[in-house]
């Protein structure tokens, strides 16, 4: 790796994305499984349908507010060397806050029509975090000025395409799947190829990936977790909390960045 030039490392990432993109193009269309909406815990409480899966989204709102507060005003200047560096993270935490609204709306009455509003803010969050890491480790200007808006637009486009294909009776989730899972695959490779970081270093990014992986496992074993816990809480409800923990580690990553430590040392001089 030490013998690779900056351009060669970028070419590796471009090649990796190209192979993934071509592979996705050859995969048959993936329709939305109607059984996806059959969650294990359908109990209502305080007149709130599907109480556990709906209310557990509050964790996203808490992390969003903490993130936006931590990156506001003078605190932002303590963390970031330049103001624009904060933009992808602000978009990320706004997206996380919207996840609370969109996912709650979906879980009140789960349906394919409402699922669009659940997935839209998640897509914004995924794309913003990916752009933030590219900006920090590879190219600041490219990551913030053009990659961030391009990725957000492409992420939204993948959902609009899925929604359009559903309306045509031939739903296709391939491109949304690419948007959701490719960043998780690419991030370890980016960290390996570009180890130097101002805001995305340390072990926090590792825990972001671990907690997101736990969230997906809880989602998959929704009913089994509910049974294992004696009907107390379902896997999907815990999935929301685990995903919120993953988002919280993004916040911890940023506020613990070496750049902030440097700013504190400068302030003491």
C-alpha atoms as a PDB file:
ATOM      1  CA  UNK A   1       0.000   0.000   0.000  1.00  0.00           C
ATOM      2  CA  UNK A   2       2.850   2.414   0.810  1.00  0.00           C
ATOM      3  CA  UNK A   3       4.102   2.183  -2.762  1.00  0.00           C
ATOM      4  CA  UNK A   4       0.768   3.231  -4.273  1.00  0.00           C
ATOM      5  CA  UNK A   5       0.359   6.812  -5.456  1.00  0.00           C
ATOM      6  CA  UNK A   6      -2.700   8.895  -4.581  1.00  0.00           C
ATOM      7  CA  UNK A   7      -4.022   8.448  -8.117  1.00  0.00           C
ATOM      8  CA  UNK A   8      -3.545   4.677  -7.984  1.00  0.00           C
ATOM      9  CA  UNK A   9      -5.495   4.462  -4.746  1.00  0.00           C
ATOM     10  CA  UNK A  10      -8.335   6.454  -6.256  1.00  0.00           C
ATOM     11  CA  UNK A  11      -8.283   4.154  -9.293  1.00  0.00           C
ATOM     12  CA  UNK A  12      -8.700   1.164  -6.974  1.00  0.00           C
ATOM     13  CA  UNK A  13     -11.832   2.766  -5.505  1.00  0.00           C
ATOM     14  CA  UNK A  14     -13.159   3.703  -8.933  1.00  0.00           C
ATOM     15  CA  UNK A  15     -12.544   0.160 -10.169  1.00  0.00           C
ATOM     16  CA  UNK A  16     -14.236  -1.306  -7.108  1.00  0.00           C
ATOM     17  CA  UNK A  17     -17.299   0.881  -7.659  1.00  0.00           C
ATOM     18  CA  UNK A  18     -17.383   0.092 -11.383  1.00  0.00           C
ATOM     19  CA  UNK A  19     -17.312  -3.651 -10.722  1.00  0.00           C
ATOM     20  CA  UNK A  20     -20.088  -3.306  -8.136  1.00  0.00           C
ATOM     21  CA  UNK A  21     -22.158  -1.151 -10.480  1.00  0.00           C
ATOM     22  CA  UNK A  22     -21.788  -3.576 -13.393  1.00  0.00           C
ATOM     23  CA  UNK A  23     -22.581  -6.487 -11.101  1.00  0.00           C
ATOM     24  CA  UNK A  24     -25.767  -4.760  -9.907  1.00  0.00           C
ATOM     25  CA  UNK A  25     -26.804  -4.136 -13.510  1.00  0.00           C
ATOM     26  CA  UNK A  26     -26.724  -7.883 -14.216  1.00  0.00           C
ATOM     27  CA  UNK A  27     -28.737  -8.786 -11.117  1.00  0.00           C
ATOM     28  CA  UNK A  28     -32.433  -9.369 -11.909  1.00  0.00           C
ATOM     29  CA  UNK A  29     -34.826  -6.681 -10.621  1.00  0.00           C
ATOM     30  CA  UNK A  30     -35.541  -7.051  -6.918  1.00  0.00           C
ATOM     31  CA  UNK A  31     -39.179  -6.320  -6.020  1.00  0.00           C
ATOM     32  CA  UNK A  32     -40.274  -5.246  -2.562  1.00  0.00           C
ATOM     33  CA  UNK A  33     -41.259  -8.306  -0.540  1.00  0.00           C
ATOM     34  CA  UNK A  34     -44.871  -7.790   0.637  1.00  0.00           C
ATOM     35  CA  UNK A  35     -44.006  -9.837   3.701  1.00  0.00           C
ATOM     36  CA  UNK A  36     -41.526  -7.137   4.763  1.00  0.00           C
ATOM     37  CA  UNK A  37     -44.375  -5.244   6.423  1.00  0.00           C
ATOM     38  CA  UNK A  38     -45.283  -8.189   8.669  1.00  0.00           C
ATOM     39  CA  UNK A  39     -43.402  -7.118  11.778  1.00  0.00           C
ATOM     40  CA  UNK A  40     -43.419  -9.301  14.875  1.00  0.00           C
ATOM     41  CA  UNK A  41     -44.656  -6.744  17.409  1.00  0.00           C
ATOM     42  CA  UNK A  42     -47.998  -5.255  16.375  1.00  0.00           C
ATOM     43  CA  UNK A  43     -49.186  -4.264  19.858  1.00  0.00           C
ATOM     44  CA  UNK A  44     -50.713  -0.834  20.414  1.00  0.00           C
ATOM     45  CA  UNK A  45     -50.235   1.282  23.524  1.00  0.00           C
ATOM     46  CA  UNK A  46     -51.697   4.666  24.420  1.00  0.00           C
ATOM     47  CA  UNK A  47     -53.601   4.603  21.100  1.00  0.00           C
ATOM     48  CA  UNK A  48     -50.303   4.374  19.172  1.00  0.00           C
ATOM     49  CA  UNK A  49     -50.375   1.505  16.632  1.00  0.00           C
ATOM     50  CA  UNK A  50     -47.316  -0.744  16.538  1.00  0.00           C
ATOM     51  CA  UNK A  51     -46.074   1.071  19.621  1.00  0.00           C
ATOM     52  CA  UNK A  52     -42.631  -0.527  19.946  1.00  0.00           C
ATOM     53  CA  UNK A  53     -41.553  -0.093  16.334  1.00  0.00           C
ATOM     54  CA  UNK A  54     -43.007   3.422  16.184  1.00  0.00           C
ATOM     55  CA  UNK A  55     -41.775   4.936  19.445  1.00  0.00           C
ATOM     56  CA  UNK A  56     -38.300   3.359  19.249  1.00  0.00           C
ATOM     57  CA  UNK A  57     -37.566   5.868  16.481  1.00  0.00           C
ATOM     58  CA  UNK A  58     -37.238   8.540  19.165  1.00  0.00           C
ATOM     59  CA  UNK A  59     -33.584   7.554  19.471  1.00  0.00           C
ATOM     60  CA  UNK A  60     -32.930   9.098  16.061  1.00  0.00           C
ATOM     61  CA  UNK A  61     -34.433  12.404  17.165  1.00  0.00           C
ATOM     62  CA  UNK A  62     -32.260  12.456  20.291  1.00  0.00           C
ATOM     63  CA  UNK A  63     -29.042  11.806  18.342  1.00  0.00           C
ATOM     64  CA  UNK A  64     -30.026  14.345  15.683  1.00  0.00           C
ATOM     65  CA  UNK A  65     -30.589  17.086  18.251  1.00  0.00           C
ATOM     66  CA  UNK A  66     -27.352  16.230  20.060  1.00  0.00           C
ATOM     67  CA  UNK A  67     -25.457  16.318  16.780  1.00  0.00           C
ATOM     68  CA  UNK A  68     -26.900  19.600  15.553  1.00  0.00           C
ATOM     69  CA  UNK A  69     -26.313  21.202  18.974  1.00  0.00           C
ATOM     70  CA  UNK A  70     -22.716  19.946  19.114  1.00  0.00           C
ATOM     71  CA  UNK A  71     -21.976  21.356  15.663  1.00  0.00           C
ATOM     72  CA  UNK A  72     -23.622  24.739  16.182  1.00  0.00           C
ATOM     73  CA  UNK A  73     -22.098  28.158  16.858  1.00  0.00           C
ATOM     74  CA  UNK A  74     -18.730  28.371  18.551  1.00  0.00           C
ATOM     75  CA  UNK A  75     -18.616  24.605  19.058  1.00  0.00           C
ATOM     76  CA  UNK A  76     -18.372  24.157  15.294  1.00  0.00           C
ATOM     77  CA  UNK A  77     -15.298  26.380  15.189  1.00  0.00           C
ATOM     78  CA  UNK A  78     -13.666  24.259  17.890  1.00  0.00           C
ATOM     79  CA  UNK A  79     -14.090  21.103  15.825  1.00  0.00           C
ATOM     80  CA  UNK A  80     -13.593  22.086  12.201  1.00  0.00           C
ATOM     81  CA  UNK A  81     -10.577  23.767  10.653  1.00  0.00           C
ATOM     82  CA  UNK A  82     -12.830  25.444   8.097  1.00  0.00           C
ATOM     83  CA  UNK A  83     -16.573  26.102   8.142  1.00  0.00           C
ATOM     84  CA  UNK A  84     -17.487  24.051   5.048  1.00  0.00           C
ATOM     85  CA  UNK A  85     -15.994  20.932   6.664  1.00  0.00           C
ATOM     86  CA  UNK A  86     -19.086  20.769   8.874  1.00  0.00           C
ATOM     87  CA  UNK A  87     -21.596  20.664   5.994  1.00  0.00           C
ATOM     88  CA  UNK A  88     -21.711  16.866   5.368  1.00  0.00           C
ATOM     89  CA  UNK A  89     -22.100  16.206   9.091  1.00  0.00           C
ATOM     90  CA  UNK A  90     -24.899  18.756   9.410  1.00  0.00           C
ATOM     91  CA  UNK A  91     -26.679  17.098   6.479  1.00  0.00           C
ATOM     92  CA  UNK A  92     -26.132  13.728   8.157  1.00  0.00           C
ATOM     93  CA  UNK A  93     -27.699  14.790  11.459  1.00  0.00           C
ATOM     94  CA  UNK A  94     -30.609  16.510   9.699  1.00  0.00           C
ATOM     95  CA  UNK A  95     -31.146  13.243   7.814  1.00  0.00           C
ATOM     96  CA  UNK A  96     -31.052  11.284  11.085  1.00  0.00           C
ATOM     97  CA  UNK A  97     -33.708  13.571  12.528  1.00  0.00           C
ATOM     98  CA  UNK A  98     -35.900  13.034   9.478  1.00  0.00           C
ATOM     99  CA  UNK A  99     -35.482   9.265   9.914  1.00  0.00           C
ATOM    100  CA  UNK A 100     -37.423   9.598  13.166  1.00  0.00           C
ATOM    101  CA  UNK A 101     -40.319  11.265  11.332  1.00  0.00           C
ATOM    102  CA  UNK A 102     -40.275   9.068   8.226  1.00  0.00           C
ATOM    103  CA  UNK A 103     -39.849   5.772  10.053  1.00  0.00           C
ATOM    104  CA  UNK A 104     -42.528   6.628  12.626  1.00  0.00           C
ATOM    105  CA  UNK A 105     -44.923   7.545   9.822  1.00  0.00           C
ATOM    106  CA  UNK A 106     -44.241   4.218   8.135  1.00  0.00           C
ATOM    107  CA  UNK A 107     -44.557   2.073  11.236  1.00  0.00           C
ATOM    108  CA  UNK A 108     -47.907   3.542  12.238  1.00  0.00           C
ATOM    109  CA  UNK A 109     -49.440   1.839   9.191  1.00  0.00           C
ATOM    110  CA  UNK A 110     -46.735  -0.245   7.440  1.00  0.00           C
ATOM    111  CA  UNK A 111     -47.197  -0.319   3.657  1.00  0.00           C
ATOM    112  CA  UNK A 112     -45.079  -0.074   0.527  1.00  0.00           C
ATOM    113  CA  UNK A 113     -46.427   3.430  -0.154  1.00  0.00           C
ATOM    114  CA  UNK A 114     -45.272   4.672   3.234  1.00  0.00           C
ATOM    115  CA  UNK A 115     -41.962   2.818   3.055  1.00  0.00           C
ATOM    116  CA  UNK A 116     -40.672   5.444   0.629  1.00  0.00           C
ATOM    117  CA  UNK A 117     -40.758   8.063   3.418  1.00  0.00           C
ATOM    118  CA  UNK A 118     -38.940   5.696   5.768  1.00  0.00           C
ATOM    119  CA  UNK A 119     -36.103   5.101   3.335  1.00  0.00           C
ATOM    120  CA  UNK A 120     -35.696   8.626   1.967  1.00  0.00           C
ATOM    121  CA  UNK A 121     -34.059  10.221   5.041  1.00  0.00           C
ATOM    122  CA  UNK A 122     -31.924   7.124   5.621  1.00  0.00           C
ATOM    123  CA  UNK A 123     -30.569   7.526   2.108  1.00  0.00           C
ATOM    124  CA  UNK A 124     -29.687  11.159   2.789  1.00  0.00           C
ATOM    125  CA  UNK A 125     -27.845  10.122   5.942  1.00  0.00           C
ATOM    126  CA  UNK A 126     -25.898   7.331   4.212  1.00  0.00           C
ATOM    127  CA  UNK A 127     -24.803   9.599   1.376  1.00  0.00           C
ATOM    128  CA  UNK A 128     -23.839  12.498   3.655  1.00  0.00           C
ATOM    129  CA  UNK A 129     -21.643  10.285   5.848  1.00  0.00           C
ATOM    130  CA  UNK A 130     -19.971   8.720   2.821  1.00  0.00           C
ATOM    131  CA  UNK A 131     -19.244  12.171   1.365  1.00  0.00           C
ATOM    132  CA  UNK A 132     -17.878  13.328   4.742  1.00  0.00           C
ATOM    133  CA  UNK A 133     -15.391  10.461   4.862  1.00  0.00           C
ATOM    134  CA  UNK A 134     -14.306  11.016   1.252  1.00  0.00           C
ATOM    135  CA  UNK A 135     -13.843  14.733   1.977  1.00  0.00           C
ATOM    136  CA  UNK A 136     -11.809  14.038   5.107  1.00  0.00           C
ATOM    137  CA  UNK A 137      -9.570  11.271   3.797  1.00  0.00           C
ATOM    138  CA  UNK A 138      -9.307  11.745   0.028  1.00  0.00           C
ATOM    139  CA  UNK A 139     -10.232  15.196  -1.293  1.00  0.00           C
ATOM    140  CA  UNK A 140     -11.914  17.924   0.752  1.00  0.00           C
ATOM    141  CA  UNK A 141     -13.115  20.059  -2.140  1.00  0.00           C
ATOM    142  CA  UNK A 142     -14.407  17.148  -4.203  1.00  0.00           C
ATOM    143  CA  UNK A 143     -16.127  15.541  -1.230  1.00  0.00           C
ATOM    144  CA  UNK A 144     -17.981  18.645  -0.057  1.00  0.00           C
ATOM    145  CA  UNK A 145     -18.619  20.734  -3.158  1.00  0.00           C
ATOM    146  CA  UNK A 146     -19.716  18.141  -5.671  1.00  0.00           C
ATOM    147  CA  UNK A 147     -19.702  14.612  -4.260  1.00  0.00           C
ATOM    148  CA  UNK A 148     -22.106  15.439  -1.394  1.00  0.00           C
ATOM    149  CA  UNK A 149     -24.867  16.919  -3.608  1.00  0.00           C
ATOM    150  CA  UNK A 150     -24.291  14.310  -6.328  1.00  0.00           C
ATOM    151  CA  UNK A 151     -24.550  11.422  -3.878  1.00  0.00           C
ATOM    152  CA  UNK A 152     -27.678  12.828  -2.227  1.00  0.00           C
ATOM    153  CA  UNK A 153     -29.324  13.330  -5.618  1.00  0.00           C
ATOM    154  CA  UNK A 154     -28.352   9.813  -6.751  1.00  0.00           C
ATOM    155  CA  UNK A 155     -29.628   8.356  -3.484  1.00  0.00           C
ATOM    156  CA  UNK A 156     -32.974  10.097  -3.862  1.00  0.00           C
ATOM    157  CA  UNK A 157     -33.075   9.071  -7.526  1.00  0.00           C
ATOM    158  CA  UNK A 158     -32.621   5.402  -6.556  1.00  0.00           C
ATOM    159  CA  UNK A 159     -35.715   5.665  -4.364  1.00  0.00           C
ATOM    160  CA  UNK A 160     -37.728   7.536  -6.977  1.00  0.00           C
ATOM    161  CA  UNK A 161     -36.837   4.819  -9.473  1.00  0.00           C
ATOM    162  CA  UNK A 162     -37.931   2.123  -7.021  1.00  0.00           C
ATOM    163  CA  UNK A 163     -41.185   3.987  -6.311  1.00  0.00           C
ATOM    164  CA  UNK A 164     -41.839   4.369 -10.056  1.00  0.00           C
ATOM    165  CA  UNK A 165     -41.194   0.679 -10.741  1.00  0.00           C
ATOM    166  CA  UNK A 166     -43.532  -0.268  -7.891  1.00  0.00           C
ATOM    167  CA  UNK A 167     -46.245   1.850  -9.517  1.00  0.00           C
ATOM    168  CA  UNK A 168     -45.593  -0.038 -12.772  1.00  0.00           C
ATOM    169  CA  UNK A 169     -46.045  -3.354 -10.985  1.00  0.00           C
ATOM    170  CA  UNK A 170     -42.399  -4.398 -11.395  1.00  0.00           C
ATOM    171  CA  UNK A 171     -40.637  -3.035  -8.335  1.00  0.00           C
ATOM    172  CA  UNK A 172     -36.844  -2.881  -8.463  1.00  0.00           C
ATOM    173  CA  UNK A 173     -34.775  -2.278  -5.334  1.00  0.00           C
ATOM    174  CA  UNK A 174     -31.354  -2.937  -6.845  1.00  0.00           C
ATOM    175  CA  UNK A 175     -30.155   0.654  -6.906  1.00  0.00           C
ATOM    176  CA  UNK A 176     -31.491   1.491  -3.465  1.00  0.00           C
ATOM    177  CA  UNK A 177     -29.696  -1.607  -2.201  1.00  0.00           C
ATOM    178  CA  UNK A 178     -26.502  -0.317  -3.804  1.00  0.00           C
ATOM    179  CA  UNK A 179     -26.945   3.063  -2.103  1.00  0.00           C
ATOM    180  CA  UNK A 180     -27.541   1.450   1.281  1.00  0.00           C
ATOM    181  CA  UNK A 181     -24.891  -1.244   1.340  1.00  0.00           C
ATOM    182  CA  UNK A 182     -22.054  -0.046  -0.908  1.00  0.00           C
ATOM    183  CA  UNK A 183     -20.830   2.652   1.543  1.00  0.00           C
ATOM    184  CA  UNK A 184     -20.560   0.037   4.302  1.00  0.00           C
ATOM    185  CA  UNK A 185     -18.432  -2.125   1.999  1.00  0.00           C
ATOM    186  CA  UNK A 186     -16.329   0.744   0.674  1.00  0.00           C
ATOM    187  CA  UNK A 187     -15.600   2.472   3.987  1.00  0.00           C
ATOM    188  CA  UNK A 188     -13.082  -0.096   5.302  1.00  0.00           C
ATOM    189  CA  UNK A 189     -11.295   0.001   1.940  1.00  0.00           C
ATOM    190  CA  UNK A 190     -11.164   3.811   1.995  1.00  0.00           C
ATOM    191  CA  UNK A 191      -9.777   3.772   5.533  1.00  0.00           C
ATOM    192  CA  UNK A 192      -7.125   1.247   4.473  1.00  0.00           C
ATOM    193  CA  UNK A 193      -6.079   3.163   1.360  1.00  0.00           C
ATOM    194  CA  UNK A 194      -6.286   6.608   2.976  1.00  0.00           C
ATOM    195  CA  UNK A 195      -5.398   6.192   6.676  1.00  0.00           C
ATOM    196  CA  UNK A 196      -4.814   9.888   7.428  1.00  0.00           C
ATOM    197  CA  UNK A 197      -7.882  11.625   8.834  1.00  0.00           C
ATOM    198  CA  UNK A 198      -8.825  14.792  10.705  1.00  0.00           C
ATOM    199  CA  UNK A 199     -12.401  13.976  11.682  1.00  0.00           C
ATOM    200  CA  UNK A 200     -12.991  10.303  10.843  1.00  0.00           C
ATOM    201  CA  UNK A 201     -10.137   8.604  12.606  1.00  0.00           C
ATOM    202  CA  UNK A 202      -9.871   6.474  15.717  1.00  0.00           C
ATOM    203  CA  UNK A 203     -12.048   3.532  16.648  1.00  0.00           C
ATOM    204  CA  UNK A 204     -15.350   5.391  16.368  1.00  0.00           C
ATOM    205  CA  UNK A 205     -15.844   4.599  12.688  1.00  0.00           C
ATOM    206  CA  UNK A 206     -15.310   0.929  13.480  1.00  0.00           C
ATOM    207  CA  UNK A 207     -18.111   1.098  16.052  1.00  0.00           C
ATOM    208  CA  UNK A 208     -20.372   2.878  13.573  1.00  0.00           C
ATOM    209  CA  UNK A 209     -20.050  -0.130  11.274  1.00  0.00           C
ATOM    210  CA  UNK A 210     -20.394  -2.652  14.124  1.00  0.00           C
ATOM    211  CA  UNK A 211     -23.572  -1.082  15.499  1.00  0.00           C
ATOM    212  CA  UNK A 212     -25.083  -0.777  12.043  1.00  0.00           C
ATOM    213  CA  UNK A 213     -24.327  -4.463  11.487  1.00  0.00           C
ATOM    214  CA  UNK A 214     -26.012  -5.281  14.802  1.00  0.00           C
ATOM    215  CA  UNK A 215     -29.025  -3.245  13.682  1.00  0.00           C
ATOM    216  CA  UNK A 216     -29.336  -5.293  10.483  1.00  0.00           C
ATOM    217  CA  UNK A 217     -29.091  -8.550  12.442  1.00  0.00           C
ATOM    218  CA  UNK A 218     -31.818  -7.414  14.845  1.00  0.00           C
ATOM    219  CA  UNK A 219     -33.970  -6.479  11.884  1.00  0.00           C
ATOM    220  CA  UNK A 220     -33.482  -9.913  10.332  1.00  0.00           C
ATOM    221  CA  UNK A 221     -34.291 -11.770  13.567  1.00  0.00           C
ATOM    222  CA  UNK A 222     -37.243  -9.569  14.476  1.00  0.00           C
ATOM    223  CA  UNK A 223     -39.585 -12.299  15.708  1.00  0.00           C
ATOM    224  CA  UNK A 224     -36.856 -14.481  17.208  1.00  0.00           C
ATOM    225  CA  UNK A 225     -35.665 -11.615  19.402  1.00  0.00           C
ATOM    226  CA  UNK A 226     -39.234 -10.922  20.547  1.00  0.00           C
ATOM    227  CA  UNK A 227     -39.618 -14.568  21.541  1.00  0.00           C
ATOM    228  CA  UNK A 228     -36.176 -14.716  23.182  1.00  0.00           C
ATOM    229  CA  UNK A 229     -36.987 -11.663  25.308  1.00  0.00           C
ATOM    230  CA  UNK A 230     -40.324 -13.078  26.408  1.00  0.00           C
ATOM    231  CA  UNK A 231     -42.370 -10.638  24.350  1.00  0.00           C
ATOM    232  CA  UNK A 232     -40.829  -7.560  25.947  1.00  0.00           C
ATOM    233  CA  UNK A 233     -39.438  -5.965  22.793  1.00  0.00           C
ATOM    234  CA  UNK A 234     -38.935  -7.042  19.184  1.00  0.00           C
ATOM    235  CA  UNK A 235     -35.804  -7.199  17.085  1.00  0.00           C
ATOM    236  CA  UNK A 236     -37.038  -4.420  14.816  1.00  0.00           C
ATOM    237  CA  UNK A 237     -37.632  -2.058  17.733  1.00  0.00           C
ATOM    238  CA  UNK A 238     -34.125  -2.775  18.996  1.00  0.00           C
ATOM    239  CA  UNK A 239     -32.855  -2.318  15.451  1.00  0.00           C
ATOM    240  CA  UNK A 240     -33.947   1.329  15.586  1.00  0.00           C
ATOM    241  CA  UNK A 241     -32.075   1.829  18.855  1.00  0.00           C
ATOM    242  CA  UNK A 242     -28.937   0.092  17.562  1.00  0.00           C
ATOM    243  CA  UNK A 243     -28.967   2.237  14.413  1.00  0.00           C
ATOM    244  CA  UNK A 244     -29.328   5.335  16.598  1.00  0.00           C
ATOM    245  CA  UNK A 245     -26.278   4.189  18.582  1.00  0.00           C
ATOM    246  CA  UNK A 246     -24.373   3.898  15.285  1.00  0.00           C
ATOM    247  CA  UNK A 247     -25.334   7.494  14.472  1.00  0.00           C
ATOM    248  CA  UNK A 248     -24.260   8.551  17.970  1.00  0.00           C
ATOM    249  CA  UNK A 249     -20.796   7.131  17.322  1.00  0.00           C
ATOM    250  CA  UNK A 250     -20.587   9.419  14.288  1.00  0.00           C
ATOM    251  CA  UNK A 251     -21.107  12.303  16.689  1.00  0.00           C
ATOM    252  CA  UNK A 252     -18.489  10.949  19.100  1.00  0.00           C
ATOM    253  CA  UNK A 253     -16.095  10.523  16.193  1.00  0.00           C
ATOM    254  CA  UNK A 254     -16.417  14.148  15.143  1.00  0.00           C
ATOM    255  CA  UNK A 255     -16.285  15.795  18.565  1.00  0.00           C
ATOM    256  CA  UNK A 256     -13.277  13.651  19.517  1.00  0.00           C
ATOM    257  CA  UNK A 257     -11.389  14.483  16.330  1.00  0.00           C
ATOM    258  CA  UNK A 258      -7.683  15.397  16.437  1.00  0.00           C
ATOM    259  CA  UNK A 259      -8.612  18.734  14.873  1.00  0.00           C
ATOM    260  CA  UNK A 260     -10.622  19.649  17.976  1.00  0.00           C
ATOM    261  CA  UNK A 261      -7.782  18.597  20.280  1.00  0.00           C
ATOM    262  CA  UNK A 262      -5.459  20.819  18.247  1.00  0.00           C
ATOM    263  CA  UNK A 263      -7.878  23.734  18.536  1.00  0.00           C
ATOM    264  CA  UNK A 264      -8.001  23.324  22.322  1.00  0.00           C
ATOM    265  CA  UNK A 265      -4.209  23.307  22.561  1.00  0.00           C
ATOM    266  CA  UNK A 266      -4.039  26.437  20.415  1.00  0.00           C
ATOM    267  CA  UNK A 267      -6.563  28.131  22.676  1.00  0.00           C
ATOM    268  CA  UNK A 268      -4.377  27.531  25.747  1.00  0.00           C
ATOM    269  CA  UNK A 269      -1.372  29.268  24.261  1.00  0.00           C
END
